[in-house]
C-alpha atoms as a PDB file:
ATOM      1  CA  UNK A   1      14.732  -0.371  14.483  1.00  0.00           C
ATOM      2  CA  UNK A   2      12.748  -1.433  17.490  1.00  0.00           C
ATOM      3  CA  UNK A   3       9.650  -0.095  19.153  1.00  0.00           C
ATOM      4  CA  UNK A   4       8.939   0.546  22.807  1.00  0.00           C
ATOM      5  CA  UNK A   5       5.735  -0.074  24.717  1.00  0.00           C
ATOM      6  CA  UNK A   6       5.052   3.661  24.571  1.00  0.00           C
ATOM      7  CA  UNK A   7       5.288   3.541  20.746  1.00  0.00           C
ATOM      8  CA  UNK A   8       2.771   0.699  20.563  1.00  0.00           C
ATOM      9  CA  UNK A   9       0.334   2.529  22.834  1.00  0.00           C
ATOM     10  CA  UNK A  10       0.703   5.708  20.774  1.00  0.00           C
ATOM     11  CA  UNK A  11       0.092   3.829  17.517  1.00  0.00           C
ATOM     12  CA  UNK A  12      -2.952   2.141  19.044  1.00  0.00           C
ATOM     13  CA  UNK A  13      -4.255   5.521  20.159  1.00  0.00           C
ATOM     14  CA  UNK A  14      -3.758   6.999  16.683  1.00  0.00           C
ATOM     15  CA  UNK A  15      -5.600   4.008  15.194  1.00  0.00           C
ATOM     16  CA  UNK A  16      -8.392   4.486  17.758  1.00  0.00           C
ATOM     17  CA  UNK A  17      -7.773   1.021  19.208  1.00  0.00           C
ATOM     18  CA  UNK A  18      -8.252   0.132  22.857  1.00  0.00           C
ATOM     19  CA  UNK A  19      -5.479  -2.228  23.883  1.00  0.00           C
ATOM     20  CA  UNK A  20      -4.774  -3.606  27.327  1.00  0.00           C
ATOM     21  CA  UNK A  21      -1.283  -3.804  28.812  1.00  0.00           C
ATOM     22  CA  UNK A  22      -1.054  -7.506  27.907  1.00  0.00           C
ATOM     23  CA  UNK A  23      -2.172  -6.876  24.325  1.00  0.00           C
ATOM     24  CA  UNK A  24       0.262  -3.986  23.966  1.00  0.00           C
ATOM     25  CA  UNK A  25       3.106  -6.122  25.279  1.00  0.00           C
ATOM     26  CA  UNK A  26       2.217  -8.994  22.943  1.00  0.00           C
ATOM     27  CA  UNK A  27       1.917  -6.606  19.994  1.00  0.00           C
ATOM     28  CA  UNK A  28       5.282  -5.069  20.875  1.00  0.00           C
ATOM     29  CA  UNK A  29       6.952  -8.495  20.727  1.00  0.00           C
ATOM     30  CA  UNK A  30       5.313  -9.308  17.382  1.00  0.00           C
ATOM     31  CA  UNK A  31       6.182  -5.957  15.778  1.00  0.00           C
ATOM     32  CA  UNK A  32       9.794  -6.115  16.965  1.00  0.00           C
ATOM     33  CA  UNK A  33       9.957  -9.666  15.554  1.00  0.00           C
ATOM     34  CA  UNK A  34       8.781  -8.360  12.178  1.00  0.00           C
ATOM     35  CA  UNK A  35      11.369  -5.571  12.271  1.00  0.00           C
ATOM     36  CA  UNK A  36      14.041  -8.154  13.088  1.00  0.00           C
ATOM     37  CA  UNK A  37      13.054 -10.196  10.029  1.00  0.00           C
ATOM     38  CA  UNK A  38      13.190  -7.080   7.849  1.00  0.00           C
ATOM     39  CA  UNK A  39      16.691  -6.327   9.101  1.00  0.00           C
ATOM     40  CA  UNK A  40      17.759  -9.884   8.232  1.00  0.00           C
ATOM     41  CA  UNK A  41      16.311  -9.506   4.733  1.00  0.00           C
ATOM     42  CA  UNK A  42      18.067  -6.169   4.242  1.00  0.00           C
ATOM     43  CA  UNK A  43      21.390  -7.850   5.130  1.00  0.00           C
ATOM     44  CA  UNK A  44      21.158 -10.282   2.196  1.00  0.00           C
ATOM     45  CA  UNK A  45      23.370  -9.347  -0.772  1.00  0.00           C
ATOM     46  CA  UNK A  46      21.132  -9.141  -3.854  1.00  0.00           C
ATOM     47  CA  UNK A  47      23.588  -7.635  -6.320  1.00  0.00           C
ATOM     48  CA  UNK A  48      23.241  -9.304  -9.686  1.00  0.00           C
ATOM     49  CA  UNK A  49      19.811 -10.758  -8.905  1.00  0.00           C
ATOM     50  CA  UNK A  50      17.200  -9.641 -11.416  1.00  0.00           C
ATOM     51  CA  UNK A  51      13.769  -8.805 -10.003  1.00  0.00           C
ATOM     52  CA  UNK A  52      10.975 -11.199 -10.883  1.00  0.00           C
ATOM     53  CA  UNK A  53       7.417 -10.270 -11.798  1.00  0.00           C
ATOM     54  CA  UNK A  54       6.261 -13.393 -10.012  1.00  0.00           C
ATOM     55  CA  UNK A  55       8.606 -15.523  -7.860  1.00  0.00           C
ATOM     56  CA  UNK A  56       7.099 -18.840  -8.950  1.00  0.00           C
ATOM     57  CA  UNK A  57       8.092 -18.002 -12.552  1.00  0.00           C
ATOM     58  CA  UNK A  58      11.714 -18.764 -11.671  1.00  0.00           C
ATOM     59  CA  UNK A  59      10.809 -22.349 -10.761  1.00  0.00           C
ATOM     60  CA  UNK A  60       7.801 -23.083 -12.946  1.00  0.00           C
ATOM     61  CA  UNK A  61       7.685 -20.844 -16.050  1.00  0.00           C
ATOM     62  CA  UNK A  62       4.372 -22.387 -17.146  1.00  0.00           C
ATOM     63  CA  UNK A  63       2.713 -20.848 -14.054  1.00  0.00           C
ATOM     64  CA  UNK A  64       4.007 -17.343 -14.732  1.00  0.00           C
ATOM     65  CA  UNK A  65       1.379 -14.662 -15.151  1.00  0.00           C
ATOM     66  CA  UNK A  66       0.510 -13.876 -18.715  1.00  0.00           C
ATOM     67  CA  UNK A  67       0.239 -10.123 -19.029  1.00  0.00           C
ATOM     68  CA  UNK A  68      -1.903  -8.423 -21.619  1.00  0.00           C
ATOM     69  CA  UNK A  69      -0.826  -5.371 -23.564  1.00  0.00           C
ATOM     70  CA  UNK A  70      -1.625  -2.090 -21.859  1.00  0.00           C
ATOM     71  CA  UNK A  71      -3.931  -0.544 -24.444  1.00  0.00           C
ATOM     72  CA  UNK A  72      -6.973   1.711 -24.181  1.00  0.00           C
ATOM     73  CA  UNK A  73     -10.167  -0.301 -24.648  1.00  0.00           C
ATOM     74  CA  UNK A  74     -12.763   2.304 -23.635  1.00  0.00           C
ATOM     75  CA  UNK A  75     -13.685   5.452 -25.494  1.00  0.00           C
ATOM     76  CA  UNK A  76     -13.525   8.862 -23.800  1.00  0.00           C
ATOM     77  CA  UNK A  77     -16.886   9.703 -22.171  1.00  0.00           C
ATOM     78  CA  UNK A  78     -15.706  12.763 -20.211  1.00  0.00           C
ATOM     79  CA  UNK A  79     -17.978  15.264 -21.986  1.00  0.00           C
ATOM     80  CA  UNK A  80     -20.968  12.966 -21.625  1.00  0.00           C
ATOM     81  CA  UNK A  81     -20.328  12.387 -17.915  1.00  0.00           C
ATOM     82  CA  UNK A  82     -19.829  16.097 -17.222  1.00  0.00           C
ATOM     83  CA  UNK A  83     -23.075  17.215 -18.894  1.00  0.00           C
ATOM     84  CA  UNK A  84     -25.194  16.924 -15.708  1.00  0.00           C
ATOM     85  CA  UNK A  85     -22.518  18.576 -13.525  1.00  0.00           C
ATOM     86  CA  UNK A  86     -23.405  22.080 -12.312  1.00  0.00           C
ATOM     87  CA  UNK A  87     -19.948  23.475 -13.182  1.00  0.00           C
ATOM     88  CA  UNK A  88     -16.887  22.219 -15.056  1.00  0.00           C
ATOM     89  CA  UNK A  89     -13.750  23.821 -16.426  1.00  0.00           C
ATOM     90  CA  UNK A  90     -11.011  22.294 -18.588  1.00  0.00           C
ATOM     91  CA  UNK A  91     -12.453  18.800 -18.036  1.00  0.00           C
ATOM     92  CA  UNK A  92     -12.527  19.146 -14.226  1.00  0.00           C
ATOM     93  CA  UNK A  93     -15.515  19.329 -11.887  1.00  0.00           C
ATOM     94  CA  UNK A  94     -15.774  22.657 -10.030  1.00  0.00           C
ATOM     95  CA  UNK A  95     -16.989  22.489  -6.437  1.00  0.00           C
ATOM     96  CA  UNK A  96     -17.416  25.112  -3.714  1.00  0.00           C
ATOM     97  CA  UNK A  97     -14.414  25.776  -1.493  1.00  0.00           C
ATOM     98  CA  UNK A  98     -14.965  23.954   1.821  1.00  0.00           C
ATOM     99  CA  UNK A  99     -11.587  24.451   3.522  1.00  0.00           C
ATOM    100  CA  UNK A 100     -10.362  27.908   4.485  1.00  0.00           C
END
């Protein structure tokens, strides 16, 4: 995949950025360079390679992230938080329709 100068200008317009011709040209070169690197990475055969949670763990296991158990530590305060709300239903806040 590669971009054209028109693509860069369109993206800049969508992002509400003012870019000059020189900046657009420079950005085009950088973005196409990134896409080239991605294509090179996609070409690498990774069959049989297990994903790592942290790449440094493969080299230095003592620096691997220690993960905690995913357990609930807070009690449910939904009812308490919804008391001051003007309208709720089935645990959800009810608001006026703003989009037709």
